[in-house]
Amino acid sequence: MPQIILTPAQRKDKRADAHHLDPVVMIGGDGLTPAVVKETDAALNSHGLIKVRVLGDDREAREAMFAQLCDELNAAPIQHIGKLLVLWRPLPEKPKAEREHAMPGPRVVKIVKFSKSGNGRPQINKVKVMGNERVTQGGEIKRVKKRAVNTSVKKRAAE
């Protein structure tokens, strides 16, 4: 697979994003084994932007590993500084589980009521709101009413 080509400005942004990251993959004395390639692929799938630490001292070998990883994993080479390699690949789209006829689940809502004088502390209540309920402007919970199919005035006039 060919590696991803980025513009210098895009690489600069990715380098800035990778600055605070810690290495998630380490390449030991055995070099680039299939297990290391598999772990690097899994890290790219979950993180997108990763750092790889190479423990060898040979610069040419590190450059070869960098190029080989980018080619095999279809990743963009971001940076090779010292013994650190930075790789990037866009995160894959996660398939959404389609739930037909599913209602929204319960959620916890924080209701804050301020004191009328303005000097007192506000009252904070955490309330569990079910899928068929809503919180009104005054902080009360109301249940949603079932609608009839044709309640619109225009639709009734058209019938």
N, C-alpha and C. Protein backbone atom coordinates (compact mmCIF):
# COMPACT_ATOMS: atom_id res chain seq x y z
N MET A 1 0.84 -1.19 0.00
CA MET A 1 0.00 0.00 0.00
C MET A 1 0.88 1.24 0.00
N PRO A 2 0.50 2.26 -0.73
CA PRO A 2 1.30 3.48 -0.73
C PRO A 2 1.06 4.29 0.54
N GLN A 3 2.08 5.05 0.91
CA GLN A 3 1.93 5.87 2.11
C GLN A 3 1.19 7.16 1.78
N ILE A 4 0.63 7.78 2.79
CA ILE A 4 -0.13 9.02 2.62
C ILE A 4 0.84 10.18 2.49
N ILE A 5 0.59 11.05 1.54
CA ILE A 5 1.44 12.23 1.33
C ILE A 5 0.73 13.44 1.94
N LEU A 6 1.43 14.16 2.80
CA LEU A 6 0.89 15.37 3.44
C LEU A 6 1.69 16.59 3.02
N THR A 7 1.05 17.74 3.07
CA THR A 7 1.77 18.99 2.81
C THR A 7 2.60 19.33 4.04
N PRO A 8 3.61 20.19 3.87
CA PRO A 8 4.42 20.58 5.04
C PRO A 8 3.59 21.24 6.15
N ALA A 9 2.57 22.00 5.80
CA ALA A 9 1.73 22.64 6.82
C ALA A 9 0.94 21.59 7.60
N GLN A 10 0.43 20.58 6.90
CA GLN A 10 -0.30 19.51 7.58
C GLN A 10 0.63 18.72 8.50
N ARG A 11 1.85 18.44 8.02
CA ARG A 11 2.82 17.73 8.86
C ARG A 11 3.18 18.55 10.09
N LYS A 12 3.27 19.86 9.93
CA LYS A 12 3.59 20.75 11.06
C LYS A 12 2.48 20.67 12.11
N ASP A 13 1.22 20.67 11.69
CA ASP A 13 0.11 20.55 12.62
C ASP A 13 0.13 19.21 13.35
N LYS A 14 0.42 18.14 12.62
CA LYS A 14 0.47 16.81 13.23
C LYS A 14 1.64 16.72 14.22
N ARG A 15 2.78 17.33 13.88
CA ARG A 15 3.92 17.34 14.81
C ARG A 15 3.54 18.05 16.10
N ALA A 16 2.81 19.15 15.98
CA ALA A 16 2.38 19.89 17.18
C ALA A 16 1.41 19.05 18.01
N ASP A 17 0.53 18.31 17.36
CA ASP A 17 -0.41 17.45 18.08
C ASP A 17 0.30 16.29 18.77
N ALA A 18 1.39 15.82 18.18
CA ALA A 18 2.10 14.66 18.72
C ALA A 18 3.10 15.04 19.81
N HIS A 19 3.32 16.32 20.02
CA HIS A 19 4.36 16.75 20.96
C HIS A 19 4.17 16.17 22.36
N HIS A 20 2.96 16.16 22.86
CA HIS A 20 2.72 15.72 24.23
C HIS A 20 2.51 14.20 24.35
N LEU A 21 2.48 13.47 23.24
CA LEU A 21 2.21 12.03 23.27
C LEU A 21 3.41 11.25 23.78
N ASP A 22 3.13 10.12 24.39
CA ASP A 22 4.16 9.17 24.79
C ASP A 22 4.21 8.05 23.76
N PRO A 23 5.36 7.39 23.60
CA PRO A 23 5.43 6.27 22.65
C PRO A 23 4.51 5.13 23.07
N VAL A 24 3.75 4.61 22.11
CA VAL A 24 2.83 3.51 22.40
C VAL A 24 3.37 2.18 21.88
N VAL A 25 4.35 2.23 20.97
CA VAL A 25 4.96 1.02 20.42
C VAL A 25 6.47 1.17 20.56
N MET A 26 7.12 0.08 20.97
CA MET A 26 8.58 0.08 21.05
C MET A 26 9.13 -1.03 20.19
N ILE A 27 10.14 -0.71 19.40
CA ILE A 27 10.79 -1.68 18.53
C ILE A 27 12.11 -2.05 19.20
N GLY A 28 12.25 -3.30 19.56
CA GLY A 28 13.42 -3.75 20.30
C GLY A 28 14.56 -4.17 19.39
N GLY A 29 15.42 -5.01 19.95
CA GLY A 29 16.62 -5.44 19.24
C GLY A 29 16.33 -6.36 18.07
N ASP A 30 15.18 -7.04 18.06
CA ASP A 30 14.84 -7.93 16.94
C ASP A 30 14.43 -7.17 15.70
N GLY A 31 14.20 -5.90 15.82
CA GLY A 31 13.83 -5.09 14.66
C GLY A 31 12.33 -5.11 14.42
N LEU A 32 11.99 -4.95 13.16
CA LEU A 32 10.59 -4.83 12.77
C LEU A 32 10.02 -6.22 12.51
N THR A 33 9.45 -6.84 13.53
CA THR A 33 8.85 -8.17 13.40
C THR A 33 7.38 -8.02 13.02
N PRO A 34 6.75 -9.09 12.56
CA PRO A 34 5.31 -9.03 12.24
C PRO A 34 4.45 -8.64 13.44
N ALA A 35 4.87 -9.04 14.64
CA ALA A 35 4.11 -8.67 15.84
C ALA A 35 4.15 -7.17 16.07
N VAL A 36 5.32 -6.56 15.82
CA VAL A 36 5.44 -5.11 15.99
C VAL A 36 4.58 -4.38 14.97
N VAL A 37 4.58 -4.88 13.74
CA VAL A 37 3.75 -4.26 12.69
C VAL A 37 2.28 -4.37 13.05
N LYS A 38 1.88 -5.52 13.60
CA LYS A 38 0.48 -5.74 13.99
C LYS A 38 0.09 -4.79 15.12
N GLU A 39 0.95 -4.63 16.12
CA GLU A 39 0.67 -3.72 17.23
C GLU A 39 0.62 -2.27 16.75
N THR A 40 1.50 -1.91 15.84
CA THR A 40 1.50 -0.54 15.30
C THR A 40 0.21 -0.28 14.54
N ASP A 41 -0.25 -1.27 13.78
CA ASP A 41 -1.51 -1.13 13.05
C ASP A 41 -2.67 -0.96 14.01
N ALA A 42 -2.69 -1.75 15.09
CA ALA A 42 -3.76 -1.63 16.09
C ALA A 42 -3.73 -0.26 16.77
N ALA A 43 -2.53 0.25 17.07
CA ALA A 43 -2.41 1.57 17.69
C ALA A 43 -2.87 2.67 16.75
N LEU A 44 -2.54 2.54 15.46
CA LEU A 44 -3.00 3.54 14.49
C LEU A 44 -4.52 3.50 14.34
N ASN A 45 -5.11 2.30 14.40
CA ASN A 45 -6.56 2.20 14.30
C ASN A 45 -7.26 2.84 15.48
N SER A 46 -6.65 2.75 16.66
CA SER A 46 -7.32 3.30 17.84
C SER A 46 -6.97 4.75 18.12
N HIS A 47 -5.74 5.19 17.78
CA HIS A 47 -5.32 6.55 18.12
C HIS A 47 -5.20 7.47 16.90
N GLY A 48 -4.77 6.95 15.78
CA GLY A 48 -4.59 7.78 14.60
C GLY A 48 -3.19 8.36 14.52
N LEU A 49 -2.75 9.03 15.56
CA LEU A 49 -1.42 9.66 15.61
C LEU A 49 -0.65 9.01 16.75
N ILE A 50 0.49 8.39 16.43
CA ILE A 50 1.24 7.66 17.46
C ILE A 50 2.73 7.97 17.37
N LYS A 51 3.41 7.70 18.48
CA LYS A 51 4.87 7.74 18.51
C LYS A 51 5.37 6.32 18.68
N VAL A 52 6.46 6.01 17.99
CA VAL A 52 7.11 4.71 18.07
C VAL A 52 8.55 4.94 18.50
N ARG A 53 9.00 4.22 19.52
CA ARG A 53 10.39 4.33 19.98
C ARG A 53 11.17 3.15 19.44
N VAL A 54 12.32 3.45 18.81
CA VAL A 54 13.22 2.42 18.30
C VAL A 54 14.42 2.37 19.23
N LEU A 55 14.72 1.18 19.74
CA LEU A 55 15.80 1.05 20.72
C LEU A 55 17.17 0.83 20.09
N GLY A 56 17.24 0.66 18.78
CA GLY A 56 18.53 0.45 18.11
C GLY A 56 19.28 1.77 17.92
N ASP A 57 20.62 1.66 17.71
CA ASP A 57 21.45 2.86 17.54
C ASP A 57 21.71 3.21 16.08
N ASP A 58 21.41 2.34 15.15
CA ASP A 58 21.72 2.55 13.74
C ASP A 58 20.68 3.45 13.08
N ARG A 59 21.11 4.65 12.64
CA ARG A 59 20.18 5.62 12.06
C ARG A 59 19.59 5.12 10.74
N GLU A 60 20.41 4.50 9.90
CA GLU A 60 19.90 4.01 8.61
C GLU A 60 18.85 2.93 8.82
N ALA A 61 19.05 2.08 9.83
CA ALA A 61 18.06 1.04 10.12
C ALA A 61 16.75 1.66 10.60
N ARG A 62 16.84 2.72 11.42
CA ARG A 62 15.62 3.41 11.87
C ARG A 62 14.88 4.04 10.70
N GLU A 63 15.62 4.65 9.78
CA GLU A 63 14.98 5.26 8.61
C GLU A 63 14.31 4.19 7.74
N ALA A 64 14.97 3.03 7.62
CA ALA A 64 14.38 1.94 6.83
C ALA A 64 13.11 1.42 7.51
N MET A 65 13.15 1.29 8.84
CA MET A 65 11.95 0.85 9.58
C MET A 65 10.81 1.84 9.42
N PHE A 66 11.15 3.13 9.48
CA PHE A 66 10.16 4.20 9.34
C PHE A 66 9.47 4.10 7.97
N ALA A 67 10.29 3.98 6.92
CA ALA A 67 9.73 3.88 5.57
C ALA A 67 8.91 2.60 5.40
N GLN A 68 9.40 1.49 5.95
CA GLN A 68 8.69 0.22 5.82
C GLN A 68 7.36 0.25 6.56
N LEU A 69 7.34 0.82 7.77
CA LEU A 69 6.08 0.95 8.51
C LEU A 69 5.07 1.80 7.75
N CYS A 70 5.53 2.91 7.21
CA CYS A 70 4.62 3.80 6.48
C CYS A 70 4.06 3.12 5.23
N ASP A 71 4.91 2.36 4.53
CA ASP A 71 4.43 1.68 3.32
C ASP A 71 3.47 0.53 3.65
N GLU A 72 3.82 -0.28 4.63
CA GLU A 72 2.98 -1.44 4.95
C GLU A 72 1.65 -1.06 5.56
N LEU A 73 1.63 0.00 6.37
CA LEU A 73 0.42 0.35 7.11
C LEU A 73 -0.36 1.49 6.48
N ASN A 74 0.09 1.96 5.31
CA ASN A 74 -0.59 3.07 4.62
C ASN A 74 -0.70 4.28 5.56
N ALA A 75 0.42 4.64 6.16
CA ALA A 75 0.45 5.75 7.11
C ALA A 75 1.32 6.88 6.55
N ALA A 76 1.15 8.05 7.12
CA ALA A 76 1.94 9.21 6.71
C ALA A 76 3.12 9.37 7.66
N PRO A 77 4.34 9.54 7.12
CA PRO A 77 5.47 9.81 7.99
C PRO A 77 5.43 11.27 8.44
N ILE A 78 5.37 11.49 9.74
CA ILE A 78 5.28 12.84 10.27
C ILE A 78 6.65 13.35 10.69
N GLN A 79 7.35 12.57 11.50
CA GLN A 79 8.62 13.05 12.03
C GLN A 79 9.49 11.88 12.44
N HIS A 80 10.80 12.04 12.21
CA HIS A 80 11.80 11.09 12.71
C HIS A 80 12.86 11.93 13.40
N ILE A 81 12.81 11.93 14.71
CA ILE A 81 13.77 12.72 15.48
C ILE A 81 14.39 11.81 16.54
N GLY A 82 15.69 11.62 16.43
CA GLY A 82 16.38 10.73 17.35
C GLY A 82 15.86 9.31 17.19
N LYS A 83 15.43 8.72 18.29
CA LYS A 83 14.92 7.35 18.26
C LYS A 83 13.40 7.30 18.25
N LEU A 84 12.76 8.45 18.02
CA LEU A 84 11.30 8.51 17.98
C LEU A 84 10.81 8.66 16.55
N LEU A 85 9.80 7.89 16.22
CA LEU A 85 9.13 7.99 14.93
C LEU A 85 7.69 8.39 15.20
N VAL A 86 7.18 9.33 14.41
CA VAL A 86 5.78 9.75 14.56
C VAL A 86 5.05 9.38 13.27
N LEU A 87 3.97 8.61 13.43
CA LEU A 87 3.15 8.15 12.30
C LEU A 87 1.73 8.64 12.46
N TRP A 88 1.06 8.87 11.32
CA TRP A 88 -0.35 9.27 11.35
C TRP A 88 -1.09 8.56 10.25
N ARG A 89 -2.30 8.17 10.59
CA ARG A 89 -3.24 7.60 9.61
C ARG A 89 -4.63 8.02 10.05
N PRO A 90 -5.50 8.43 9.13
CA PRO A 90 -6.85 8.82 9.54
C PRO A 90 -7.57 7.66 10.22
N LEU A 91 -8.36 8.00 11.23
CA LEU A 91 -9.10 6.98 11.96
C LEU A 91 -10.18 6.39 11.06
N PRO A 92 -10.37 5.07 11.09
CA PRO A 92 -11.41 4.46 10.25
C PRO A 92 -12.80 4.80 10.81
N GLU A 93 -13.77 4.83 9.90
CA GLU A 93 -15.15 5.08 10.31
C GLU A 93 -15.66 3.89 11.10
N LYS A 94 -16.26 4.17 12.24
CA LYS A 94 -16.83 3.10 13.06
C LYS A 94 -18.27 2.87 12.63
N PRO A 95 -18.64 1.63 12.37
CA PRO A 95 -20.02 1.37 11.94
C PRO A 95 -20.98 1.61 13.10
N LYS A 96 -22.03 2.36 12.80
CA LYS A 96 -23.04 2.63 13.81
C LYS A 96 -24.05 1.48 13.82
N ALA A 97 -24.38 1.05 15.02
CA ALA A 97 -25.39 0.01 15.16
C ALA A 97 -26.76 0.65 15.00
N GLU A 98 -27.46 0.21 13.99
CA GLU A 98 -28.78 0.77 13.73
C GLU A 98 -29.78 0.11 14.66
N ARG A 99 -30.41 0.95 15.46
CA ARG A 99 -31.44 0.44 16.38
C ARG A 99 -32.77 1.00 15.92
N GLU A 100 -33.52 0.19 15.24
CA GLU A 100 -34.82 0.65 14.76
C GLU A 100 -35.80 0.70 15.92
N HIS A 101 -36.65 1.68 15.88
CA HIS A 101 -37.71 1.87 16.87
C HIS A 101 -37.15 2.01 18.29
N ALA A 102 -35.96 2.54 18.40
CA ALA A 102 -35.36 2.69 19.74
C ALA A 102 -35.65 4.08 20.26
N MET A 103 -36.04 4.15 21.48
CA MET A 103 -36.29 5.43 22.14
C MET A 103 -35.00 5.87 22.84
N PRO A 104 -34.85 7.17 23.08
CA PRO A 104 -33.66 7.61 23.80
C PRO A 104 -33.65 7.07 25.23
N GLY A 105 -32.47 6.78 25.73
CA GLY A 105 -32.34 6.20 27.06
C GLY A 105 -32.34 7.27 28.14
N PRO A 106 -32.32 6.83 29.40
CA PRO A 106 -32.31 7.79 30.50
C PRO A 106 -30.98 8.55 30.56
N ARG A 107 -31.04 9.78 31.05
CA ARG A 107 -29.84 10.59 31.20
C ARG A 107 -29.96 11.37 32.50
N VAL A 108 -28.83 11.75 33.04
CA VAL A 108 -28.81 12.51 34.29
C VAL A 108 -28.65 13.98 33.93
N VAL A 109 -29.56 14.82 34.45
CA VAL A 109 -29.57 16.25 34.17
C VAL A 109 -29.36 16.99 35.48
N LYS A 110 -28.52 18.02 35.44
CA LYS A 110 -28.29 18.84 36.62
C LYS A 110 -29.19 20.07 36.52
N ILE A 111 -30.05 20.26 37.52
CA ILE A 111 -30.97 21.40 37.55
C ILE A 111 -30.45 22.38 38.60
N VAL A 112 -30.18 23.61 38.16
CA VAL A 112 -29.67 24.64 39.06
C VAL A 112 -30.76 25.68 39.26
N LYS A 113 -31.17 25.92 40.51
CA LYS A 113 -32.16 26.95 40.83
C LYS A 113 -31.45 28.00 41.68
N PHE A 114 -31.42 29.22 41.17
CA PHE A 114 -30.77 30.30 41.88
C PHE A 114 -31.71 30.90 42.91
N SER A 115 -31.15 31.48 43.97
CA SER A 115 -31.99 32.08 45.01
C SER A 115 -32.62 33.36 44.48
N LYS A 116 -33.78 33.70 45.02
CA LYS A 116 -34.51 34.88 44.53
C LYS A 116 -33.80 36.18 44.89
N SER A 117 -33.12 36.21 46.02
CA SER A 117 -32.45 37.45 46.43
C SER A 117 -31.13 37.63 45.69
N GLY A 118 -30.54 36.55 45.20
CA GLY A 118 -29.27 36.67 44.50
C GLY A 118 -28.07 36.50 45.40
N ASN A 119 -28.28 36.57 46.72
CA ASN A 119 -27.17 36.45 47.66
C ASN A 119 -26.94 35.02 48.13
N GLY A 120 -27.97 34.20 48.08
CA GLY A 120 -27.86 32.83 48.58
C GLY A 120 -27.19 31.91 47.57
N ARG A 121 -26.88 30.74 48.04
CA ARG A 121 -26.26 29.75 47.16
C ARG A 121 -27.33 29.10 46.29
N PRO A 122 -26.99 28.73 45.07
CA PRO A 122 -27.98 28.06 44.22
C PRO A 122 -28.20 26.62 44.67
N GLN A 123 -29.42 26.14 44.44
CA GLN A 123 -29.75 24.74 44.73
C GLN A 123 -29.42 23.92 43.49
N ILE A 124 -28.69 22.84 43.70
CA ILE A 124 -28.32 21.98 42.58
C ILE A 124 -28.92 20.60 42.83
N ASN A 125 -29.74 20.15 41.88
CA ASN A 125 -30.36 18.83 41.95
C ASN A 125 -29.96 18.04 40.72
N LYS A 126 -29.55 16.80 40.91
CA LYS A 126 -29.30 15.90 39.78
C LYS A 126 -30.51 14.99 39.67
N VAL A 127 -31.11 15.00 38.49
CA VAL A 127 -32.36 14.27 38.26
C VAL A 127 -32.17 13.34 37.08
N LYS A 128 -32.73 12.14 37.18
CA LYS A 128 -32.69 11.20 36.08
C LYS A 128 -33.91 11.44 35.20
N VAL A 129 -33.67 11.77 33.93
CA VAL A 129 -34.74 12.08 32.99
C VAL A 129 -34.84 10.92 32.01
N MET A 130 -36.00 10.35 31.90
CA MET A 130 -36.23 9.23 31.00
C MET A 130 -36.35 9.74 29.57
N GLY A 131 -36.39 8.84 28.62
CA GLY A 131 -36.42 9.22 27.21
C GLY A 131 -37.67 9.96 26.80
N ASN A 132 -38.80 9.74 27.48
CA ASN A 132 -40.04 10.40 27.10
C ASN A 132 -40.34 11.61 27.98
N GLU A 133 -39.34 12.13 28.68
CA GLU A 133 -39.53 13.27 29.56
C GLU A 133 -38.62 14.42 29.11
N ARG A 134 -38.98 15.62 29.56
CA ARG A 134 -38.17 16.80 29.25
C ARG A 134 -38.14 17.70 30.48
N VAL A 135 -37.13 18.56 30.53
CA VAL A 135 -37.00 19.51 31.63
C VAL A 135 -37.52 20.85 31.13
N THR A 136 -38.46 21.44 31.86
CA THR A 136 -39.03 22.73 31.46
C THR A 136 -38.11 23.86 31.88
N GLN A 137 -38.47 25.07 31.49
CA GLN A 137 -37.69 26.26 31.82
C GLN A 137 -37.60 26.47 33.33
N GLY A 138 -38.63 26.12 34.06
CA GLY A 138 -38.64 26.30 35.51
C GLY A 138 -37.97 25.17 36.27
N GLY A 139 -37.45 24.16 35.59
CA GLY A 139 -36.76 23.07 36.25
C GLY A 139 -37.64 21.91 36.61
N GLU A 140 -38.86 21.88 36.09
CA GLU A 140 -39.76 20.76 36.35
C GLU A 140 -39.61 19.72 35.25
N ILE A 141 -39.99 18.50 35.58
CA ILE A 141 -39.91 17.43 34.58
C ILE A 141 -41.31 17.13 34.09
N LYS A 142 -41.47 17.17 32.77
CA LYS A 142 -42.77 16.88 32.17
C LYS A 142 -42.63 15.73 31.20
N ARG A 143 -43.68 14.93 31.16
CA ARG A 143 -43.72 13.81 30.25
C ARG A 143 -44.25 14.27 28.90
N VAL A 144 -43.69 13.78 27.84
CA VAL A 144 -44.11 14.16 26.50
C VAL A 144 -45.43 13.47 26.19
N LYS A 145 -46.36 14.24 25.63
CA LYS A 145 -47.66 13.68 25.27
C LYS A 145 -47.57 13.03 23.89
N LYS A 146 -48.32 11.97 23.72
CA LYS A 146 -48.39 11.31 22.43
C LYS A 146 -49.17 12.19 21.47
N ARG A 147 -48.66 12.32 20.27
CA ARG A 147 -49.33 13.14 19.27
C ARG A 147 -50.20 12.27 18.37
N ALA A 148 -51.29 12.86 17.93
CA ALA A 148 -52.11 12.18 16.93
C ALA A 148 -51.39 12.36 15.58
N VAL A 149 -51.75 11.53 14.63
CA VAL A 149 -51.04 11.54 13.36
C VAL A 149 -51.24 12.85 12.61
N ASN A 150 -52.48 13.32 12.46
CA ASN A 150 -52.75 14.55 11.69
C ASN A 150 -53.30 15.63 12.60
N THR A 151 -52.47 16.30 13.35
CA THR A 151 -52.94 17.36 14.24
C THR A 151 -52.72 18.74 13.64
N SER A 152 -51.97 18.85 12.53
CA SER A 152 -51.69 20.13 11.93
C SER A 152 -52.97 20.72 11.31
N VAL A 153 -53.13 22.01 11.47
CA VAL A 153 -54.31 22.69 10.94
C VAL A 153 -54.31 22.60 9.42
N LYS A 154 -53.13 22.78 8.80
CA LYS A 154 -53.05 22.72 7.34
C LYS A 154 -53.41 21.33 6.82
N LYS A 155 -52.94 20.30 7.52
CA LYS A 155 -53.24 18.95 7.08
C LYS A 155 -54.71 18.62 7.25
N ARG A 156 -55.31 19.11 8.32
CA ARG A 156 -56.75 18.87 8.52
C ARG A 156 -57.57 19.59 7.45
N ALA A 157 -57.13 20.81 7.06
CA ALA A 157 -57.85 21.56 6.05
C ALA A 157 -57.72 20.90 4.67
N ALA A 158 -56.56 20.23 4.44
CA ALA A 158 -56.35 19.59 3.15
C ALA A 158 -57.18 18.31 3.00
N GLU A 159 -57.60 17.71 4.10
CA GLU A 159 -58.34 16.45 4.01
C GLU A 159 -59.76 16.62 3.60
